[in-house]
Amino acid sequence: MDQLALLFVLLVGAVVSVPVGDRLKLPSPVLMTLLGLVLALPDFVPNVDIPPDLILPALLPPLLYAAVRRTSWRQFTANKRPIFLLAVALVFVTMIAVAAVAGAVVPGLPVAAAVALGALVAPPDPIAATAVAGQLGLPRRLVSILEGEGLFNDVTAITLYHVAIAAAVSGSFSLPGALLELLLSAVVAIMVGAALGWVSNKVMDVLDDATLQIGLTLLVPFASYVLAEELHGSGVLAVLTTALFLAEYGTDPDDVLTRLAGHHFWEVVDTLVTGVAFGLIGLELHHAIGTAAGRWGEMLGWAGAVVGVVILVRLLWLLPATWLTQRLHNRRDQEEDIPTSWRETIVMWWSGMRGVASVALALAVPLEMDDGSPFPDRDEIVFIAFAVIVATLVLQGLTLPWLVRLLGVRADTEREKEFEKELAVRAARAAKKRLVEIEREEDLPEDLFEQMQRRAFDLGVRITPYVVEDERMQAHEKRVRRMKRIRRIQGEMLSAARHEILAARGEPGADPEVVDRVLRHLDVRSLR
């Protein structure tokens, strides 16, 4: 088996793991990690030959961009306090705790190397958290917090990691210099991300073609990451800024085709890249296994201590942080997403799985110091890092569904229905308001005006049937049954038409381009 065949296996696994995970009630990223672990064992499976400094630029930009598409800037600003406590403060605390324990249990481990280890295992993975939380039907407020934490903690952890590595390699460290580097990295990233988002938005207006616009969205995350890194900024923060800018300002309400096609395109990208990323985590296990040869007992003990610290610190931080956030929330009556019970806090604690960023940072630890001597305890750092990643992904990922069911934590469907009903009413009112304006401008016939009024009402009902009052529900259900019958008949008619056009494609003298154009017309008609 060569590298290309291995990539194909991972891509197939990424697709298959989704329905298998749904059937087994297990997160697909965890299944892909297990697949990677299995593939790493046979001798005929090649070692993954990807330079460590390419893992983050190749995998993170599309994954981050896809994740940001599911959220909004308003959601981030509303949750700035819990996001700060988790994505910044908790990363610092975890890094310090891991550095202290690793320095105590690993003989001769320098402080800077211990801090680097703490930084690379500190951030929970944004993709693992959102993928797992989304499949378990957790309350939207928990998913929002996990998404915000996962998207922003990599910014903090990667910057701290680079500072620690630089100190370990050079043998010198300056706290003011480190803080200045962190600040400048953030400023450069935000400027690059916003500028690229603005430029991309203008280019999309010029392209005015769904295929080209969606193709541009695939390139933009990579461009934002690479450009920010070249200017010594945070590539992760730059991608987040670009994606948030385009989500807020790059959406044309009337560009239906681009929005629908873009949604499905990014669903495919997210599924494939996520599967490959977590499959690579399992495949990279051979690095850790090689470093532990002949020292399994000793290194497993060190790794167990660090894994315990990573898991315990998150719990000890979440309990008071959640209490403090709830107190401030009640006092200021702010609309932010916070856990509302100790059960939700426990679920948040157990959702802190490590992933892609930690793997890339562990493999990127330098081999040598500036003076040419070997980097101190590099093998130990890599082994401990992989132990934390595998333990949290497999142990927590496999048991999180069971824990959620045990605690009875589930989404507030009634609240979601009420919000959906509110949006349906707003949509119907906006349609009726525009209809009245058109009637005044064009003096519509009375029968046409009444027909369009009914369609405006149906617009809200199609979004959610709960918008209909109880006394009108029976009449509405009768109309729905009639409409379903009409749609079924119309669907069968269109299906017959499509079969006939596809049959014509293979006839002698048929122009495939003309046939495909007619077929696209029928496809679009089927979506209406």
Protein backbone atom coordinates (compact mmCIF):
# COMPACT_ATOMS: atom_id res chain seq x y z
CA MET A 1 0.00 0.00 0.00
CA ASP A 2 1.37 3.42 -0.95
CA GLN A 3 0.55 6.91 0.34
CA LEU A 4 -2.14 7.53 -2.30
CA ALA A 5 -3.94 4.27 -1.49
CA LEU A 6 -3.80 5.14 2.20
CA LEU A 7 -5.37 8.54 1.51
CA PHE A 8 -8.13 6.84 -0.48
CA VAL A 9 -8.84 4.48 2.43
CA LEU A 10 -9.14 7.46 4.78
CA LEU A 11 -11.50 9.28 2.40
CA VAL A 12 -13.71 6.22 2.08
CA GLY A 13 -13.61 5.81 5.84
CA ALA A 14 -14.64 9.45 6.30
CA VAL A 15 -17.77 8.85 4.24
CA VAL A 16 -18.65 5.47 5.77
CA SER A 17 -18.00 6.56 9.38
CA VAL A 18 -20.90 9.04 9.31
CA PRO A 19 -23.76 6.52 8.84
CA VAL A 20 -21.94 3.93 10.95
CA GLY A 21 -21.53 6.49 13.74
CA ASP A 22 -25.21 7.41 13.51
CA ARG A 23 -26.20 3.75 13.76
CA LEU A 24 -23.85 3.05 16.69
CA LYS A 25 -24.56 6.42 18.38
CA LEU A 26 -20.84 7.21 18.30
CA PRO A 27 -19.07 10.33 16.96
CA SER A 28 -17.57 9.79 13.50
CA PRO A 29 -14.25 11.55 14.43
CA VAL A 30 -13.71 8.95 17.15
CA LEU A 31 -14.39 6.13 14.70
CA MET A 32 -11.89 7.62 12.25
CA THR A 33 -9.28 7.84 15.00
CA LEU A 34 -9.85 4.16 15.79
CA LEU A 35 -9.52 3.36 12.07
CA GLY A 36 -6.21 5.21 12.00
CA LEU A 37 -5.02 3.29 15.06
CA VAL A 38 -5.86 -0.02 13.37
CA LEU A 39 -4.15 1.02 10.13
CA ALA A 40 -1.01 2.06 12.04
CA LEU A 41 -0.40 -1.49 13.28
CA PRO A 42 0.20 -3.62 10.10
CA ASP A 43 3.66 -3.49 8.56
CA PHE A 44 2.34 -3.17 5.00
CA VAL A 45 0.67 0.17 5.79
CA PRO A 46 3.19 2.96 5.10
CA ASN A 47 4.09 5.63 7.60
CA VAL A 48 2.43 8.96 6.91
CA ASP A 49 5.00 11.10 5.18
CA ILE A 50 3.62 14.61 5.76
CA PRO A 51 5.96 17.36 6.99
CA PRO A 52 4.69 18.51 10.40
CA ASP A 53 4.76 22.15 9.36
CA LEU A 54 2.21 21.37 6.61
CA ILE A 55 -0.39 19.59 8.77
CA LEU A 56 -1.93 22.73 10.26
CA PRO A 57 -1.96 24.80 7.01
CA ALA A 58 -3.42 21.88 5.06
CA LEU A 59 -6.16 20.80 7.48
CA LEU A 60 -7.13 23.64 9.79
CA PRO A 61 -8.20 26.40 7.31
CA PRO A 62 -11.07 24.47 5.64
CA LEU A 63 -12.18 22.93 8.95
CA LEU A 64 -12.25 26.31 10.71
CA TYR A 65 -14.03 27.97 7.80
CA ALA A 66 -16.70 25.25 7.72
CA ALA A 67 -17.20 25.54 11.49
CA VAL A 68 -17.57 29.34 11.40
CA ARG A 69 -20.28 29.04 8.72
CA ARG A 70 -22.48 27.44 11.41
CA THR A 71 -22.16 30.38 13.80
CA SER A 72 -22.16 34.19 13.73
CA TRP A 73 -20.30 37.22 15.05
CA ARG A 74 -23.30 38.07 17.22
CA GLN A 75 -23.05 34.69 18.91
CA PHE A 76 -19.37 35.21 19.68
CA THR A 77 -19.90 38.68 21.14
CA ALA A 78 -22.80 37.44 23.27
CA ASN A 79 -20.61 34.65 24.67
CA LYS A 80 -17.38 36.60 25.02
CA ARG A 81 -17.11 35.99 28.76
CA PRO A 82 -17.42 32.16 28.75
CA ILE A 83 -15.26 32.00 25.60
CA PHE A 84 -12.54 34.08 27.28
CA LEU A 85 -12.65 31.94 30.43
CA LEU A 86 -12.28 28.75 28.36
CA ALA A 87 -10.31 29.71 25.25
CA VAL A 88 -7.77 32.00 26.94
CA ALA A 89 -7.75 31.63 30.71
CA LEU A 90 -8.21 27.84 30.81
CA VAL A 91 -5.50 27.34 28.18
CA PHE A 92 -3.07 29.31 30.37
CA VAL A 93 -4.05 27.39 33.51
CA THR A 94 -3.82 24.00 31.78
CA MET A 95 -0.44 24.87 30.29
CA ILE A 96 0.96 25.89 33.69
CA ALA A 97 -0.46 22.81 35.46
CA VAL A 98 0.85 20.38 32.83
CA ALA A 99 4.25 22.09 32.80
CA ALA A 100 4.48 21.80 36.59
CA VAL A 101 3.52 18.11 36.69
CA ALA A 102 5.65 17.16 33.67
CA GLY A 103 8.64 18.97 35.14
CA ALA A 104 8.16 17.07 38.38
CA VAL A 105 7.70 13.55 36.96
CA VAL A 106 10.00 13.60 33.90
CA PRO A 107 13.62 13.73 35.12
CA GLY A 108 15.66 16.60 33.70
CA LEU A 109 12.85 18.14 31.61
CA PRO A 110 13.68 21.85 31.13
CA VAL A 111 11.06 24.43 32.09
CA ALA A 112 10.67 25.77 28.53
CA ALA A 113 10.19 22.25 27.13
CA ALA A 114 7.62 21.50 29.85
CA VAL A 115 5.76 24.71 28.97
CA ALA A 116 5.80 23.72 25.29
CA LEU A 117 4.26 20.37 26.23
CA GLY A 118 1.63 22.16 28.30
CA ALA A 119 0.78 24.51 25.43
CA LEU A 120 0.39 21.79 22.80
CA VAL A 121 -1.95 19.63 24.92
CA ALA A 122 -3.93 22.53 26.40
CA PRO A 123 -6.45 23.31 23.62
CA PRO A 124 -9.46 21.03 23.08
CA ASP A 125 -9.96 20.43 19.38
CA PRO A 126 -12.64 22.63 17.75
CA ILE A 127 -13.57 20.03 15.15
CA ALA A 128 -13.88 17.15 17.61
CA ALA A 129 -15.98 19.23 20.00
CA THR A 130 -18.43 20.52 17.39
CA ALA A 131 -18.71 17.20 15.55
CA VAL A 132 -19.36 15.24 18.74
CA ALA A 133 -21.69 17.84 20.27
CA GLY A 134 -23.68 18.19 17.06
CA GLN A 135 -24.32 14.44 16.78
CA LEU A 136 -25.47 14.06 20.39
CA GLY A 137 -28.33 16.58 20.25
CA LEU A 138 -26.92 18.72 23.05
CA PRO A 139 -28.55 22.04 24.00
CA ARG A 140 -27.67 24.77 21.54
CA ARG A 141 -26.11 26.90 24.29
CA LEU A 142 -23.57 24.16 25.08
CA VAL A 143 -22.75 23.68 21.41
CA SER A 144 -22.25 27.45 21.05
CA ILE A 145 -19.81 27.58 23.97
CA LEU A 146 -17.87 24.52 22.76
CA GLU A 147 -17.66 25.99 19.25
CA GLY A 148 -16.43 29.34 20.57
CA GLU A 149 -13.91 27.71 22.88
CA GLY A 150 -12.62 25.36 20.20
CA LEU A 151 -12.29 28.05 17.54
CA PHE A 152 -10.38 30.53 19.68
CA ASN A 153 -8.28 28.37 22.02
CA ASP A 154 -5.96 27.31 19.18
CA VAL A 155 -5.00 30.98 18.76
CA THR A 156 -3.81 31.18 22.37
CA ALA A 157 -2.20 27.73 22.49
CA ILE A 158 -0.28 27.97 19.20
CA THR A 159 1.15 31.38 20.12
CA LEU A 160 2.22 30.16 23.57
CA TYR A 161 3.72 27.05 21.99
CA HIS A 162 5.88 29.10 19.60
CA VAL A 163 7.07 31.32 22.48
CA ALA A 164 7.99 28.27 24.58
CA ILE A 165 9.78 26.51 21.71
CA ALA A 166 11.74 29.67 20.90
CA ALA A 167 12.78 29.94 24.56
CA ALA A 168 13.78 26.26 24.70
CA VAL A 169 15.79 26.42 21.46
CA SER A 170 17.57 29.71 22.20
CA GLY A 171 17.85 29.31 25.95
CA SER A 172 16.43 32.79 26.68
CA PHE A 173 12.96 34.08 27.55
CA SER A 174 11.43 37.53 28.00
CA LEU A 175 7.94 37.88 29.47
CA PRO A 176 7.34 41.38 28.01
CA GLY A 177 8.58 40.14 24.66
CA ALA A 178 6.24 37.15 24.81
CA LEU A 179 3.23 39.33 25.66
CA LEU A 180 4.15 41.74 22.87
CA GLU A 181 4.42 38.85 20.40
CA LEU A 182 0.99 37.58 21.46
CA LEU A 183 -0.55 41.03 20.98
CA LEU A 184 1.12 41.68 17.62
CA SER A 185 0.16 38.22 16.38
CA ALA A 186 -3.50 38.94 17.14
CA VAL A 187 -3.45 42.43 15.60
CA VAL A 188 -1.79 41.24 12.38
CA ALA A 189 -4.20 38.31 12.10
CA ILE A 190 -7.29 40.48 12.52
CA MET A 191 -6.05 43.02 9.98
CA VAL A 192 -5.14 40.33 7.43
CA GLY A 193 -8.40 38.44 7.98
CA ALA A 194 -10.60 41.52 7.68
CA ALA A 195 -8.74 42.85 4.61
CA LEU A 196 -8.90 39.49 2.83
CA GLY A 197 -12.57 39.12 3.72
CA TRP A 198 -13.34 42.55 2.23
CA VAL A 199 -11.38 41.81 -0.94
CA SER A 200 -13.00 38.39 -1.30
CA ASN A 201 -16.45 39.91 -0.93
CA LYS A 202 -15.73 42.39 -3.74
CA VAL A 203 -14.31 39.67 -5.98
CA MET A 204 -17.43 37.53 -5.46
CA ASP A 205 -19.60 40.43 -6.63
CA VAL A 206 -17.52 40.66 -9.80
CA LEU A 207 -17.58 36.89 -10.47
CA ASP A 208 -21.40 36.66 -10.28
CA ASP A 209 -21.31 32.89 -10.85
CA ALA A 210 -22.13 30.27 -8.23
CA THR A 211 -19.40 27.83 -9.32
CA LEU A 212 -16.66 30.47 -9.29
CA GLN A 213 -17.86 32.02 -6.02
CA ILE A 214 -17.86 28.67 -4.22
CA GLY A 215 -14.45 27.87 -5.67
CA LEU A 216 -13.16 31.15 -4.27
CA THR A 217 -14.47 30.32 -0.80
CA LEU A 218 -12.34 27.15 -0.89
CA LEU A 219 -9.19 29.16 -1.63
CA VAL A 220 -9.81 32.07 0.75
CA PRO A 221 -9.21 30.17 4.06
CA PHE A 222 -5.82 28.88 2.87
CA ALA A 223 -4.82 32.33 1.59
CA SER A 224 -5.81 33.96 4.89
CA TYR A 225 -3.86 31.41 6.96
CA VAL A 226 -0.69 31.50 4.87
CA LEU A 227 -0.62 35.30 4.50
CA ALA A 228 -1.06 35.87 8.24
CA GLU A 229 1.65 33.33 9.08
CA GLU A 230 4.04 34.97 6.59
CA LEU A 231 3.48 38.29 8.38
CA HIS A 232 4.07 36.62 11.79
CA GLY A 233 0.39 36.72 12.72
CA SER A 234 -1.93 33.98 13.90
CA GLY A 235 -3.15 32.01 10.90
CA VAL A 236 -6.02 30.52 12.92
CA LEU A 237 -7.31 33.93 14.03
CA ALA A 238 -6.96 35.27 10.48
CA VAL A 239 -9.14 32.45 9.10
CA LEU A 240 -11.74 33.05 11.81
CA THR A 241 -11.81 36.77 11.04
CA THR A 242 -12.15 36.20 7.29
CA ALA A 243 -14.90 33.62 7.73
CA LEU A 244 -16.86 35.81 10.17
CA PHE A 245 -16.53 38.81 7.81
CA LEU A 246 -17.88 36.83 4.85
CA ALA A 247 -20.66 35.32 6.96
CA GLU A 248 -21.81 38.81 8.01
CA TYR A 249 -21.25 40.82 4.82
CA GLY A 250 -20.82 38.33 1.99
CA THR A 251 -24.33 36.89 1.97
CA ASP A 252 -26.78 38.03 -0.71
CA PRO A 253 -30.32 37.17 0.47
CA ASP A 254 -31.48 36.67 -3.13
CA ASP A 255 -28.55 34.50 -4.26
CA VAL A 256 -30.37 31.25 -3.53
CA LEU A 257 -28.37 28.98 -5.86
CA THR A 258 -24.98 29.97 -4.44
CA ARG A 259 -26.23 29.58 -0.87
CA LEU A 260 -27.72 26.10 -1.43
CA ALA A 261 -24.80 24.84 -3.52
CA GLY A 262 -22.27 26.36 -1.09
CA HIS A 263 -23.95 24.69 1.87
CA HIS A 264 -23.75 21.23 0.30
CA PHE A 265 -20.21 21.85 -0.98
CA TRP A 266 -18.90 22.75 2.46
CA GLU A 267 -20.74 19.85 4.05
CA VAL A 268 -18.78 17.53 1.72
CA VAL A 269 -15.47 19.33 2.43
CA ASP A 270 -16.10 19.26 6.18
CA THR A 271 -16.91 15.54 6.17
CA LEU A 272 -13.89 14.49 4.08
CA VAL A 273 -11.27 16.74 5.71
CA THR A 274 -12.50 15.93 9.23
CA GLY A 275 -12.27 12.21 8.48
CA VAL A 276 -8.78 12.49 7.05
CA ALA A 277 -7.62 14.68 9.94
CA PHE A 278 -8.73 12.25 12.64
CA GLY A 279 -7.54 9.26 10.65
CA LEU A 280 -4.10 10.86 10.58
CA ILE A 281 -4.18 11.18 14.35
CA GLY A 282 -4.44 7.42 14.66
CA LEU A 283 -1.87 6.79 11.92
CA GLU A 284 0.69 9.03 13.58
CA LEU A 285 0.67 6.66 16.55
CA HIS A 286 3.76 4.94 15.15
CA HIS A 287 5.80 8.02 16.15
CA ALA A 288 4.74 7.59 19.76
CA ILE A 289 5.22 3.83 19.73
CA GLY A 290 8.74 4.22 18.37
CA THR A 291 9.74 6.63 21.12
CA ALA A 292 8.55 4.33 23.91
CA ALA A 293 10.49 1.23 22.83
CA GLY A 294 11.91 -0.47 25.92
CA ARG A 295 10.52 2.17 28.32
CA TRP A 296 6.81 1.46 28.27
CA GLY A 297 6.19 1.32 32.00
CA GLU A 298 8.08 4.50 32.80
CA MET A 299 6.64 6.57 29.93
CA LEU A 300 3.09 5.31 30.45
CA GLY A 301 3.34 6.48 34.05
CA TRP A 302 4.41 9.96 32.98
CA ALA A 303 1.70 10.08 30.32
CA GLY A 304 -0.95 8.93 32.79
CA ALA A 305 -0.02 11.73 35.18
CA VAL A 306 -0.33 14.37 32.45
CA VAL A 307 -3.61 12.91 31.13
CA GLY A 308 -5.02 13.05 34.66
CA VAL A 309 -3.94 16.67 35.04
CA VAL A 310 -5.46 17.72 31.69
CA ILE A 311 -8.82 16.13 32.55
CA LEU A 312 -8.89 17.21 36.21
CA VAL A 313 -7.87 20.83 35.59
CA ARG A 314 -10.74 21.31 33.16
CA LEU A 315 -13.24 20.12 35.76
CA LEU A 316 -11.74 22.19 38.58
CA TRP A 317 -11.78 25.27 36.33
CA LEU A 318 -15.27 24.77 34.91
CA LEU A 319 -17.04 24.46 38.26
CA PRO A 320 -16.10 27.92 39.65
CA ALA A 321 -16.02 29.53 36.18
CA THR A 322 -19.57 28.39 35.47
CA TRP A 323 -20.74 29.60 38.87
CA LEU A 324 -19.11 32.99 38.33
CA THR A 325 -20.56 33.33 34.84
CA GLN A 326 -24.04 32.47 36.12
CA ARG A 327 -23.77 35.10 38.86
CA LEU A 328 -22.66 37.79 36.42
CA HIS A 329 -25.28 36.63 33.93
CA ASN A 330 -28.08 36.99 36.47
CA ARG A 331 -26.79 40.31 37.71
CA ARG A 332 -26.46 41.92 34.29
CA ASP A 333 -29.25 39.96 32.59
CA GLN A 334 -27.16 39.45 29.47
CA GLU A 335 -28.22 37.09 26.72
CA GLU A 336 -25.27 34.73 26.69
CA ASP A 337 -25.12 30.97 26.45
CA ILE A 338 -24.09 29.38 29.72
CA PRO A 339 -24.61 25.95 31.31
CA THR A 340 -27.79 26.03 33.40
CA SER A 341 -27.08 23.01 35.64
CA TRP A 342 -24.29 20.91 37.04
CA ARG A 343 -25.24 18.19 34.53
CA GLU A 344 -24.47 20.49 31.60
CA THR A 345 -21.21 21.51 33.27
CA ILE A 346 -20.19 17.85 33.54
CA VAL A 347 -20.95 17.32 29.84
CA MET A 348 -18.84 20.37 28.96
CA TRP A 349 -16.01 18.98 31.08
CA TRP A 350 -16.06 15.60 29.36
CA SER A 351 -16.19 17.25 25.91
CA GLY A 352 -12.61 18.55 26.13
CA MET A 353 -11.08 16.23 23.52
CA ARG A 354 -7.69 17.02 21.95
CA GLY A 355 -7.08 16.61 18.23
CA VAL A 356 -5.49 17.96 15.07
CA ALA A 357 -3.68 21.01 16.46
CA SER A 358 -2.05 19.01 19.26
CA VAL A 359 -0.83 16.36 16.78
CA ALA A 360 0.70 18.93 14.46
CA LEU A 361 2.39 20.83 17.28
CA ALA A 362 3.78 17.64 18.83
CA LEU A 363 5.29 16.53 15.53
CA ALA A 364 6.66 20.04 14.92
CA VAL A 365 8.85 20.02 18.03
CA PRO A 366 12.40 20.74 16.70
CA LEU A 367 14.97 18.00 16.56
CA GLU A 368 17.86 20.28 17.53
CA MET A 369 18.68 23.39 19.57
CA ASP A 370 20.39 26.48 18.15
CA ASP A 371 23.76 25.11 19.23
CA GLY A 372 23.19 21.84 17.36
CA SER A 373 22.49 19.70 20.43
CA PRO A 374 19.37 17.49 20.49
CA PHE A 375 16.15 19.08 21.71
CA PRO A 376 15.78 18.01 25.36
CA ASP A 377 13.41 15.09 25.96
CA ARG A 378 11.74 15.39 22.56
CA ASP A 379 10.78 11.70 22.51
CA GLU A 380 9.12 11.99 25.91
CA ILE A 381 7.20 15.12 24.85
CA VAL A 382 5.89 13.45 21.68
CA PHE A 383 4.85 10.28 23.52
CA ILE A 384 3.05 12.15 26.31
CA ALA A 385 1.30 14.40 23.78
CA PHE A 386 -0.02 11.43 21.80
CA ALA A 387 -1.12 9.71 24.97
CA VAL A 388 -3.20 12.77 25.91
CA ILE A 389 -4.70 12.98 22.39
CA VAL A 390 -5.61 9.30 22.14
CA ALA A 391 -6.85 9.06 25.73
CA THR A 392 -9.15 12.08 25.44
CA LEU A 393 -10.40 11.28 21.93
CA VAL A 394 -11.03 7.59 22.48
CA LEU A 395 -11.91 7.49 26.19
CA GLN A 396 -13.99 10.65 26.31
CA GLY A 397 -15.30 10.38 22.76
CA LEU A 398 -16.61 6.83 23.23
CA THR A 399 -18.13 7.47 26.67
CA LEU A 400 -19.59 10.95 26.05
CA PRO A 401 -22.80 9.61 24.40
CA TRP A 402 -23.33 7.32 27.40
CA LEU A 403 -22.69 10.20 29.82
CA VAL A 404 -25.14 12.48 27.99
CA ARG A 405 -27.86 9.82 28.17
CA LEU A 406 -27.08 9.10 31.83
CA LEU A 407 -27.37 12.75 32.84
CA GLY A 408 -30.38 13.39 30.64
CA VAL A 409 -28.88 16.43 28.92
CA ARG A 410 -30.70 17.17 25.68
CA ALA A 411 -31.62 20.07 23.45
CA ASP A 412 -34.49 22.37 24.43
CA THR A 413 -36.72 21.51 21.48
CA GLU A 414 -39.61 23.65 22.72
CA ARG A 415 -37.44 26.74 22.77
CA GLU A 416 -36.18 25.96 19.27
CA LYS A 417 -39.76 25.51 18.04
CA GLU A 418 -40.77 28.86 19.53
CA PHE A 419 -37.85 30.62 17.86
CA GLU A 420 -38.61 28.87 14.57
CA LYS A 421 -42.25 30.00 14.89
CA GLU A 422 -41.11 33.56 15.55
CA LEU A 423 -38.93 33.53 12.43
CA ALA A 424 -41.77 32.06 10.36
CA VAL A 425 -44.10 34.85 11.46
CA ARG A 426 -41.48 37.46 10.63
CA ALA A 427 -40.93 35.93 7.19
CA ALA A 428 -44.67 35.86 6.44
CA ARG A 429 -45.13 39.45 7.64
CA ALA A 430 -42.23 40.66 5.50
CA ALA A 431 -43.74 38.91 2.47
CA LYS A 432 -47.19 40.44 3.15
CA LYS A 433 -45.71 43.91 3.63
CA ARG A 434 -43.93 43.68 0.29
CA LEU A 435 -47.13 42.41 -1.34
CA VAL A 436 -49.04 45.46 -0.08
CA GLU A 437 -46.33 47.73 -1.50
CA ILE A 438 -46.56 45.97 -4.87
CA GLU A 439 -50.36 46.24 -4.82
CA ARG A 440 -50.14 49.99 -4.31
CA GLU A 441 -47.61 50.36 -7.10
CA GLU A 442 -49.25 48.08 -9.67
CA ASP A 443 -52.96 48.04 -8.67
CA LEU A 444 -53.25 44.24 -8.64
CA PRO A 445 -56.58 42.55 -9.40
CA GLU A 446 -58.45 41.55 -6.25
CA ASP A 447 -58.39 37.82 -6.98
CA LEU A 448 -54.63 37.88 -7.64
CA PHE A 449 -54.03 39.90 -4.46
CA GLU A 450 -55.99 37.40 -2.36
CA GLN A 451 -54.14 34.48 -3.95
CA MET A 452 -50.77 36.06 -3.17
CA GLN A 453 -51.89 36.76 0.40
CA ARG A 454 -52.59 33.06 0.87
CA ARG A 455 -49.15 32.27 -0.53
CA ALA A 456 -47.57 34.69 1.94
CA PHE A 457 -49.35 32.85 4.74
CA ASP A 458 -48.26 29.49 3.32
CA LEU A 459 -44.69 30.75 3.33
CA GLY A 460 -44.68 30.85 7.13
CA VAL A 461 -46.51 27.53 7.38
CA ARG A 462 -43.93 25.80 5.19
CA ILE A 463 -41.20 26.92 7.58
CA THR A 464 -43.04 25.49 10.58
CA PRO A 465 -46.63 24.27 11.01
CA TYR A 466 -46.64 25.62 14.58
CA VAL A 467 -47.30 29.10 13.20
CA VAL A 468 -50.94 28.08 12.56
CA GLU A 469 -53.47 28.70 15.32
CA ASP A 470 -55.22 25.67 16.80
CA GLU A 471 -58.65 26.46 15.34
CA ARG A 472 -57.13 26.72 11.85
CA MET A 473 -54.93 23.65 12.15
CA GLN A 474 -57.55 21.20 10.81
CA ALA A 475 -58.15 23.23 7.67
CA HIS A 476 -54.43 23.66 7.24
CA GLU A 477 -53.79 19.93 7.56
CA LYS A 478 -56.39 19.28 4.85
CA ARG A 479 -54.61 21.73 2.55
CA VAL A 480 -51.25 20.14 3.40
CA ARG A 481 -52.51 16.68 2.44
CA ARG A 482 -53.80 18.08 -0.84
CA MET A 483 -50.52 19.87 -1.54
CA LYS A 484 -48.53 16.72 -0.74
CA ARG A 485 -50.63 14.78 -3.22
CA ILE A 486 -50.08 17.44 -5.87
CA ARG A 487 -46.33 17.45 -5.18
CA ARG A 488 -46.17 13.66 -5.35
CA ILE A 489 -47.91 13.61 -8.71
CA GLN A 490 -45.80 16.49 -9.98
CA GLY A 491 -42.66 14.73 -8.74
CA GLU A 492 -43.55 11.56 -10.64
CA MET A 493 -44.22 13.61 -13.78
CA LEU A 494 -40.87 15.35 -13.49
CA SER A 495 -39.17 12.02 -12.82
CA ALA A 496 -40.59 10.62 -16.05
CA ALA A 497 -39.40 13.73 -17.88
CA ARG A 498 -35.86 13.38 -16.45
CA HIS A 499 -35.70 9.69 -17.40
CA GLU A 500 -36.70 10.56 -20.96
CA ILE A 501 -34.07 13.32 -21.23
CA LEU A 502 -31.36 11.05 -19.80
CA ALA A 503 -32.29 8.36 -22.31
CA ALA A 504 -31.94 10.94 -25.09
CA ARG A 505 -28.37 11.63 -23.97
CA GLY A 506 -27.24 8.24 -25.30
CA GLU A 507 -29.01 8.53 -28.64
CA PRO A 508 -26.96 9.03 -31.83
CA GLY A 509 -26.48 12.68 -32.72
CA ALA A 510 -27.61 13.99 -29.32
CA ASP A 511 -25.57 16.96 -28.08
CA PRO A 512 -24.68 16.18 -24.42
CA GLU A 513 -24.35 19.87 -23.60
CA VAL A 514 -27.88 20.64 -24.79
CA VAL A 515 -29.25 17.58 -22.98
CA ASP A 516 -27.53 18.60 -19.74
CA ARG A 517 -28.89 22.15 -20.05
CA VAL A 518 -32.46 20.83 -20.39
CA LEU A 519 -31.84 18.41 -17.50
CA ARG A 520 -30.63 21.24 -15.25
CA HIS A 521 -33.83 23.14 -16.07
CA LEU A 522 -35.88 20.14 -14.91
CA ASP A 523 -33.71 19.74 -11.79
CA VAL A 524 -34.25 23.38 -10.80
CA ARG A 525 -37.98 22.99 -11.45
CA SER A 526 -38.00 19.95 -9.13
CA LEU A 527 -36.59 22.03 -6.25
CA ARG A 528 -39.42 24.58 -6.36
